[in-house]
């Protein structure tokens, strides 16, 4: 059994909790796209492209990825769970390596790639929007 908030939970409950984590149309993505809409910026939301970028601004040749601190191994906030450490360490390391490969692919194709950490959006939203637009 795992512990969450100091209470033990079963494997089934943990599985249910993990299944509820959204991969698309997250609150962070909504916040960014809402601001782009307000500024009347043309963009494509989650186009079918390699690596599944969150936002693509074709007219300025820019691709935006919004990376969560947990799943993408943020050096400041990413933490490996105490349960099944080896599994999670390998999983997150694979995600980091895949992120590097995807970034290299697009930069090699002359795209400007922006990777935004979850905590950056929460900390200074205006700076992030300026980073995306300029």
N, C-alpha and C. Protein backbone atom coordinates (compact mmCIF):
# COMPACT_ATOMS: atom_id res chain seq x y z
N UNK A 1 0.83 -1.19 0.00
CA UNK A 1 0.00 0.00 0.00
C UNK A 1 0.87 1.25 0.00
N UNK A 2 0.44 2.23 -0.76
CA UNK A 2 1.09 3.55 -0.78
C UNK A 2 0.47 4.42 0.29
N UNK A 3 1.16 5.52 0.56
CA UNK A 3 0.58 6.50 1.47
C UNK A 3 0.32 7.78 0.70
N UNK A 4 -0.81 8.37 0.95
CA UNK A 4 -1.13 9.67 0.38
C UNK A 4 -1.69 10.51 1.51
N UNK A 5 -1.09 11.65 1.71
CA UNK A 5 -1.47 12.53 2.81
C UNK A 5 -1.45 11.79 4.14
N UNK A 6 -0.45 10.89 4.30
CA UNK A 6 -0.30 10.17 5.56
C UNK A 6 -1.20 8.97 5.72
N UNK A 7 -2.10 8.73 4.75
CA UNK A 7 -3.01 7.59 4.84
C UNK A 7 -2.57 6.53 3.84
N UNK A 8 -2.78 5.28 4.21
CA UNK A 8 -2.46 4.18 3.29
C UNK A 8 -3.58 4.05 2.27
N UNK A 9 -3.18 3.81 1.00
CA UNK A 9 -4.17 3.57 -0.04
C UNK A 9 -3.79 2.30 -0.79
N UNK A 10 -4.78 1.65 -1.33
CA UNK A 10 -4.57 0.38 -2.03
C UNK A 10 -4.01 0.63 -3.44
N UNK A 11 -3.52 -0.44 -4.06
CA UNK A 11 -3.03 -0.35 -5.43
C UNK A 11 -4.16 0.08 -6.38
N UNK A 12 -5.36 -0.44 -6.16
CA UNK A 12 -6.49 -0.07 -7.01
C UNK A 12 -6.80 1.42 -6.91
N UNK A 13 -6.75 1.94 -5.70
CA UNK A 13 -7.02 3.38 -5.49
C UNK A 13 -5.92 4.21 -6.14
N UNK A 14 -4.66 3.79 -5.99
CA UNK A 14 -3.54 4.50 -6.61
C UNK A 14 -3.71 4.48 -8.13
N UNK A 15 -4.08 3.34 -8.67
CA UNK A 15 -4.29 3.22 -10.11
C UNK A 15 -5.39 4.18 -10.57
N UNK A 16 -6.47 4.26 -9.81
CA UNK A 16 -7.56 5.16 -10.13
C UNK A 16 -7.08 6.62 -10.12
N UNK A 17 -6.33 6.98 -9.09
CA UNK A 17 -5.82 8.36 -8.97
C UNK A 17 -4.93 8.70 -10.18
N UNK A 18 -4.02 7.79 -10.53
CA UNK A 18 -3.11 8.04 -11.65
C UNK A 18 -3.87 8.11 -12.97
N UNK A 19 -4.95 7.35 -13.10
CA UNK A 19 -5.72 7.36 -14.35
C UNK A 19 -6.43 8.69 -14.57
N UNK A 20 -6.59 9.47 -13.53
CA UNK A 20 -7.29 10.75 -13.61
C UNK A 20 -6.37 11.90 -14.00
N UNK A 21 -5.08 11.64 -14.12
CA UNK A 21 -4.14 12.69 -14.51
C UNK A 21 -4.31 12.94 -16.00
N UNK A 22 -4.59 14.19 -16.33
CA UNK A 22 -4.86 14.55 -17.71
C UNK A 22 -3.56 14.74 -18.49
N UNK A 23 -3.57 14.31 -19.73
CA UNK A 23 -2.42 14.49 -20.60
C UNK A 23 -2.66 15.57 -21.63
N UNK A 24 -3.93 15.84 -21.90
CA UNK A 24 -4.27 16.89 -22.87
C UNK A 24 -5.30 17.82 -22.26
N UNK A 25 -5.30 19.04 -22.78
CA UNK A 25 -6.25 20.06 -22.35
C UNK A 25 -6.17 20.31 -20.84
N UNK A 26 -4.95 20.41 -20.35
CA UNK A 26 -4.74 20.65 -18.93
C UNK A 26 -5.04 22.11 -18.58
N UNK A 27 -5.13 22.39 -17.31
CA UNK A 27 -5.39 23.77 -16.88
C UNK A 27 -4.28 24.71 -17.32
N UNK A 28 -3.04 24.24 -17.31
CA UNK A 28 -1.92 25.08 -17.75
C UNK A 28 -2.04 25.39 -19.24
N UNK A 29 -2.40 24.40 -20.04
CA UNK A 29 -2.61 24.64 -21.48
C UNK A 29 -3.76 25.61 -21.71
N UNK A 30 -4.83 25.43 -20.97
CA UNK A 30 -5.99 26.32 -21.11
C UNK A 30 -5.61 27.76 -20.76
N UNK A 31 -4.79 27.92 -19.73
CA UNK A 31 -4.38 29.26 -19.31
C UNK A 31 -3.58 29.95 -20.42
N UNK A 32 -2.65 29.22 -21.02
CA UNK A 32 -1.83 29.77 -22.10
C UNK A 32 -2.69 30.10 -23.32
N UNK A 33 -3.52 29.14 -23.75
CA UNK A 33 -4.32 29.37 -24.96
C UNK A 33 -5.38 30.46 -24.75
N UNK A 34 -5.89 30.56 -23.54
CA UNK A 34 -6.85 31.63 -23.24
C UNK A 34 -6.19 33.00 -23.43
N UNK A 35 -4.97 33.11 -22.96
CA UNK A 35 -4.24 34.39 -23.10
C UNK A 35 -3.92 34.67 -24.57
N UNK A 36 -3.55 33.64 -25.32
CA UNK A 36 -3.30 33.83 -26.75
C UNK A 36 -4.57 34.25 -27.47
N UNK A 37 -5.71 33.67 -27.08
CA UNK A 37 -6.99 34.08 -27.66
C UNK A 37 -7.27 35.55 -27.36
N UNK A 38 -7.04 35.96 -26.12
CA UNK A 38 -7.28 37.36 -25.73
C UNK A 38 -6.42 38.32 -26.56
N UNK A 39 -5.21 37.89 -26.90
CA UNK A 39 -4.30 38.73 -27.67
C UNK A 39 -4.48 38.54 -29.18
N UNK A 40 -5.49 37.73 -29.54
CA UNK A 40 -5.82 37.48 -30.93
C UNK A 40 -4.64 36.90 -31.73
N UNK A 41 -3.94 35.98 -31.10
CA UNK A 41 -2.80 35.31 -31.74
C UNK A 41 -3.30 34.03 -32.39
N UNK A 42 -2.90 33.81 -33.65
CA UNK A 42 -3.27 32.58 -34.33
C UNK A 42 -2.33 31.47 -33.89
N UNK A 43 -2.93 30.35 -33.53
CA UNK A 43 -2.14 29.20 -33.10
C UNK A 43 -2.93 27.93 -33.39
N UNK A 44 -2.22 26.81 -33.34
CA UNK A 44 -2.85 25.51 -33.44
C UNK A 44 -2.63 24.81 -32.12
N UNK A 45 -3.71 24.28 -31.55
CA UNK A 45 -3.64 23.62 -30.25
C UNK A 45 -3.49 22.12 -30.45
N UNK A 46 -2.44 21.58 -29.94
CA UNK A 46 -2.13 20.16 -29.99
C UNK A 46 -2.30 19.55 -31.38
N UNK A 47 -1.54 20.05 -32.35
CA UNK A 47 -1.61 19.48 -33.69
C UNK A 47 -1.00 18.09 -33.72
N UNK A 48 -1.33 17.34 -34.73
CA UNK A 48 -0.77 15.99 -34.86
C UNK A 48 0.61 16.09 -35.49
N UNK A 49 1.56 16.39 -34.64
CA UNK A 49 2.96 16.51 -35.06
C UNK A 49 3.80 15.64 -34.13
N UNK A 50 5.01 15.33 -34.57
CA UNK A 50 5.90 14.52 -33.74
C UNK A 50 6.09 15.16 -32.37
N UNK A 51 6.01 14.35 -31.33
CA UNK A 51 6.22 14.85 -29.97
C UNK A 51 5.00 15.49 -29.35
N UNK A 52 3.92 15.64 -30.11
CA UNK A 52 2.67 16.22 -29.63
C UNK A 52 2.87 17.57 -28.93
N UNK A 53 3.30 18.59 -29.69
CA UNK A 53 3.45 19.91 -29.07
C UNK A 53 2.10 20.41 -28.55
N UNK A 54 2.15 21.26 -27.53
CA UNK A 54 0.92 21.79 -26.95
C UNK A 54 0.35 22.92 -27.80
N UNK A 55 1.23 23.80 -28.27
CA UNK A 55 0.79 24.94 -29.07
C UNK A 55 1.80 25.15 -30.19
N UNK A 56 1.30 25.43 -31.39
CA UNK A 56 2.17 25.75 -32.51
C UNK A 56 1.73 27.08 -33.11
N UNK A 57 2.68 27.99 -33.23
CA UNK A 57 2.44 29.29 -33.87
C UNK A 57 3.14 29.23 -35.23
N UNK A 58 2.41 28.80 -36.25
CA UNK A 58 3.02 28.54 -37.56
C UNK A 58 3.57 29.80 -38.21
N UNK A 59 2.85 30.91 -38.04
CA UNK A 59 3.27 32.13 -38.72
C UNK A 59 4.62 32.66 -38.23
N UNK A 60 5.01 32.33 -37.00
CA UNK A 60 6.33 32.75 -36.52
C UNK A 60 7.24 31.53 -36.28
N UNK A 61 6.80 30.38 -36.77
CA UNK A 61 7.59 29.14 -36.75
C UNK A 61 8.06 28.78 -35.34
N UNK A 62 7.09 28.72 -34.43
CA UNK A 62 7.41 28.46 -33.02
C UNK A 62 6.56 27.31 -32.50
N UNK A 63 7.21 26.42 -31.74
CA UNK A 63 6.54 25.29 -31.12
C UNK A 63 6.69 25.41 -29.61
N UNK A 64 5.58 25.22 -28.89
CA UNK A 64 5.58 25.36 -27.43
C UNK A 64 5.20 24.03 -26.79
N UNK A 65 6.04 23.60 -25.85
CA UNK A 65 5.75 22.44 -25.02
C UNK A 65 5.59 22.92 -23.59
N UNK A 66 4.54 22.49 -22.93
CA UNK A 66 4.33 22.81 -21.52
C UNK A 66 4.63 21.54 -20.74
N UNK A 67 5.73 21.56 -20.00
CA UNK A 67 6.20 20.36 -19.29
C UNK A 67 5.87 20.43 -17.81
N UNK A 68 5.23 19.38 -17.32
CA UNK A 68 4.94 19.32 -15.88
C UNK A 68 6.23 18.94 -15.14
N UNK A 69 6.36 19.45 -13.94
CA UNK A 69 7.57 19.22 -13.16
C UNK A 69 7.76 17.74 -12.85
N UNK A 70 6.69 17.01 -12.56
CA UNK A 70 6.83 15.60 -12.22
C UNK A 70 7.18 14.76 -13.45
N UNK A 71 6.36 14.79 -14.48
CA UNK A 71 6.51 13.88 -15.61
C UNK A 71 7.74 14.15 -16.46
N UNK A 72 8.23 15.38 -16.45
CA UNK A 72 9.37 15.73 -17.31
C UNK A 72 10.66 15.95 -16.54
N UNK A 73 10.65 15.65 -15.24
CA UNK A 73 11.88 15.66 -14.45
C UNK A 73 12.47 17.04 -14.21
N UNK A 74 11.67 17.96 -13.75
CA UNK A 74 12.15 19.31 -13.44
C UNK A 74 13.30 19.23 -12.44
N UNK A 75 14.44 19.89 -12.75
CA UNK A 75 15.57 19.85 -11.82
C UNK A 75 15.27 20.52 -10.47
N UNK A 76 14.32 21.45 -10.45
CA UNK A 76 13.98 22.14 -9.20
C UNK A 76 12.92 21.40 -8.39
N UNK A 77 11.89 20.89 -9.07
CA UNK A 77 10.73 20.37 -8.36
C UNK A 77 10.43 18.89 -8.61
N UNK A 78 11.06 18.30 -9.60
CA UNK A 78 10.78 16.90 -9.92
C UNK A 78 11.30 15.98 -8.83
N UNK A 79 10.44 15.12 -8.33
CA UNK A 79 10.83 14.18 -7.28
C UNK A 79 10.43 12.77 -7.69
N UNK A 80 11.31 11.84 -7.43
CA UNK A 80 11.02 10.44 -7.70
C UNK A 80 10.22 9.90 -6.51
N UNK A 81 9.06 9.27 -6.78
CA UNK A 81 8.29 8.69 -5.67
C UNK A 81 9.10 7.65 -4.91
N UNK A 82 8.78 7.48 -3.66
CA UNK A 82 9.49 6.52 -2.81
C UNK A 82 9.12 5.08 -3.13
N UNK A 83 7.92 4.88 -3.64
CA UNK A 83 7.45 3.54 -4.00
C UNK A 83 7.81 3.28 -5.46
N UNK A 84 8.37 2.12 -5.73
CA UNK A 84 8.79 1.72 -7.08
C UNK A 84 9.77 2.72 -7.68
N UNK A 85 10.76 3.09 -6.90
CA UNK A 85 11.73 4.11 -7.30
C UNK A 85 12.40 3.80 -8.65
N UNK A 86 12.83 2.56 -8.83
CA UNK A 86 13.53 2.20 -10.07
C UNK A 86 12.62 2.43 -11.28
N UNK A 87 11.38 1.99 -11.20
CA UNK A 87 10.43 2.17 -12.29
C UNK A 87 10.28 3.65 -12.63
N UNK A 88 10.01 4.47 -11.60
CA UNK A 88 9.76 5.89 -11.83
C UNK A 88 11.01 6.61 -12.32
N UNK A 89 12.14 6.27 -11.80
CA UNK A 89 13.40 6.89 -12.24
C UNK A 89 13.63 6.63 -13.72
N UNK A 90 13.48 5.36 -14.13
CA UNK A 90 13.65 5.01 -15.54
C UNK A 90 12.61 5.69 -16.42
N UNK A 91 11.36 5.73 -15.95
CA UNK A 91 10.27 6.35 -16.71
C UNK A 91 10.56 7.83 -16.96
N UNK A 92 10.93 8.54 -15.93
CA UNK A 92 11.17 9.98 -16.06
C UNK A 92 12.43 10.24 -16.87
N UNK A 93 13.45 9.41 -16.71
CA UNK A 93 14.66 9.56 -17.53
C UNK A 93 14.35 9.35 -19.01
N UNK A 94 13.48 8.39 -19.33
CA UNK A 94 13.06 8.19 -20.72
C UNK A 94 12.31 9.42 -21.25
N UNK A 95 11.46 9.99 -20.41
CA UNK A 95 10.74 11.20 -20.82
C UNK A 95 11.70 12.35 -21.12
N UNK A 96 12.71 12.52 -20.26
CA UNK A 96 13.69 13.59 -20.44
C UNK A 96 14.46 13.39 -21.75
N UNK A 97 14.89 12.16 -21.99
CA UNK A 97 15.63 11.86 -23.22
C UNK A 97 14.75 12.08 -24.46
N UNK A 98 13.50 11.66 -24.40
CA UNK A 98 12.57 11.87 -25.52
C UNK A 98 12.37 13.37 -25.76
N UNK A 99 12.25 14.15 -24.68
CA UNK A 99 12.11 15.61 -24.82
C UNK A 99 13.32 16.19 -25.55
N UNK A 100 14.53 15.73 -25.20
CA UNK A 100 15.76 16.21 -25.86
C UNK A 100 15.73 15.88 -27.36
N UNK A 101 15.35 14.65 -27.68
CA UNK A 101 15.32 14.23 -29.08
C UNK A 101 14.31 15.04 -29.88
N UNK A 102 13.14 15.27 -29.31
CA UNK A 102 12.10 16.03 -30.01
C UNK A 102 12.54 17.47 -30.22
N UNK A 103 13.13 18.06 -29.19
CA UNK A 103 13.62 19.44 -29.31
C UNK A 103 14.68 19.52 -30.41
N UNK A 104 15.62 18.58 -30.43
CA UNK A 104 16.67 18.57 -31.46
C UNK A 104 16.07 18.41 -32.85
N UNK A 105 15.09 17.54 -32.98
CA UNK A 105 14.44 17.33 -34.27
C UNK A 105 13.86 18.64 -34.82
N UNK A 106 13.10 19.33 -34.00
CA UNK A 106 12.46 20.56 -34.47
C UNK A 106 13.46 21.69 -34.68
N UNK A 107 14.44 21.80 -33.81
CA UNK A 107 15.46 22.83 -34.02
C UNK A 107 16.23 22.57 -35.31
N UNK A 108 16.46 21.28 -35.62
CA UNK A 108 17.11 20.92 -36.88
C UNK A 108 16.26 21.24 -38.09
N UNK A 109 14.95 21.37 -37.87
CA UNK A 109 14.01 21.72 -38.95
C UNK A 109 13.70 23.22 -38.93
N UNK A 110 14.52 23.96 -38.23
CA UNK A 110 14.41 25.44 -38.18
C UNK A 110 13.19 25.97 -37.45
N UNK A 111 12.67 25.18 -36.51
CA UNK A 111 11.59 25.65 -35.63
C UNK A 111 12.22 26.25 -34.38
N UNK A 112 11.59 27.24 -33.84
CA UNK A 112 12.00 27.80 -32.54
C UNK A 112 11.19 27.04 -31.48
N UNK A 113 11.87 26.25 -30.67
CA UNK A 113 11.20 25.42 -29.68
C UNK A 113 11.29 26.08 -28.31
N UNK A 114 10.14 26.19 -27.66
CA UNK A 114 10.08 26.73 -26.30
C UNK A 114 9.52 25.65 -25.39
N UNK A 115 10.26 25.34 -24.35
CA UNK A 115 9.80 24.40 -23.33
C UNK A 115 9.55 25.20 -22.07
N UNK A 116 8.33 25.12 -21.58
CA UNK A 116 7.92 25.89 -20.41
C UNK A 116 7.64 24.92 -19.27
N UNK A 117 8.26 25.16 -18.13
CA UNK A 117 7.99 24.34 -16.95
C UNK A 117 6.69 24.81 -16.29
N UNK A 118 6.00 23.88 -15.74
CA UNK A 118 4.77 24.14 -14.99
C UNK A 118 4.97 25.25 -13.96
N UNK A 119 6.06 25.20 -13.20
CA UNK A 119 6.28 26.20 -12.15
C UNK A 119 6.55 27.59 -12.72
N UNK A 120 7.06 27.68 -13.94
CA UNK A 120 7.31 28.99 -14.55
C UNK A 120 5.99 29.69 -14.85
N UNK A 121 5.00 28.93 -15.30
CA UNK A 121 3.69 29.51 -15.59
C UNK A 121 3.06 30.04 -14.31
N UNK A 122 3.20 29.27 -13.26
CA UNK A 122 2.62 29.68 -11.98
C UNK A 122 3.35 30.87 -11.37
N UNK A 123 4.65 30.96 -11.62
CA UNK A 123 5.47 32.01 -11.01
C UNK A 123 5.33 33.36 -11.71
N UNK A 124 5.50 33.38 -13.03
CA UNK A 124 5.48 34.65 -13.77
C UNK A 124 4.81 34.46 -15.12
N UNK A 125 3.51 34.46 -15.10
CA UNK A 125 2.72 34.17 -16.29
C UNK A 125 2.97 35.17 -17.43
N UNK A 126 3.04 36.45 -17.10
CA UNK A 126 3.25 37.47 -18.14
C UNK A 126 4.58 37.27 -18.85
N UNK A 127 5.60 36.92 -18.11
CA UNK A 127 6.92 36.68 -18.72
C UNK A 127 6.85 35.49 -19.69
N UNK A 128 6.11 34.47 -19.32
CA UNK A 128 5.97 33.29 -20.17
C UNK A 128 5.23 33.65 -21.46
N UNK A 129 4.17 34.42 -21.36
CA UNK A 129 3.43 34.83 -22.56
C UNK A 129 4.34 35.65 -23.46
N UNK A 130 5.11 36.55 -22.90
CA UNK A 130 6.05 37.35 -23.71
C UNK A 130 7.09 36.44 -24.38
N UNK A 131 7.55 35.44 -23.66
CA UNK A 131 8.51 34.47 -24.20
C UNK A 131 7.89 33.73 -25.39
N UNK A 132 6.64 33.36 -25.29
CA UNK A 132 5.96 32.65 -26.37
C UNK A 132 5.78 33.56 -27.58
N UNK A 133 5.46 34.81 -27.36
CA UNK A 133 5.13 35.72 -28.45
C UNK A 133 6.34 36.37 -29.13
N UNK A 134 7.47 36.43 -28.43
CA UNK A 134 8.63 37.15 -28.99
C UNK A 134 9.82 36.26 -29.18
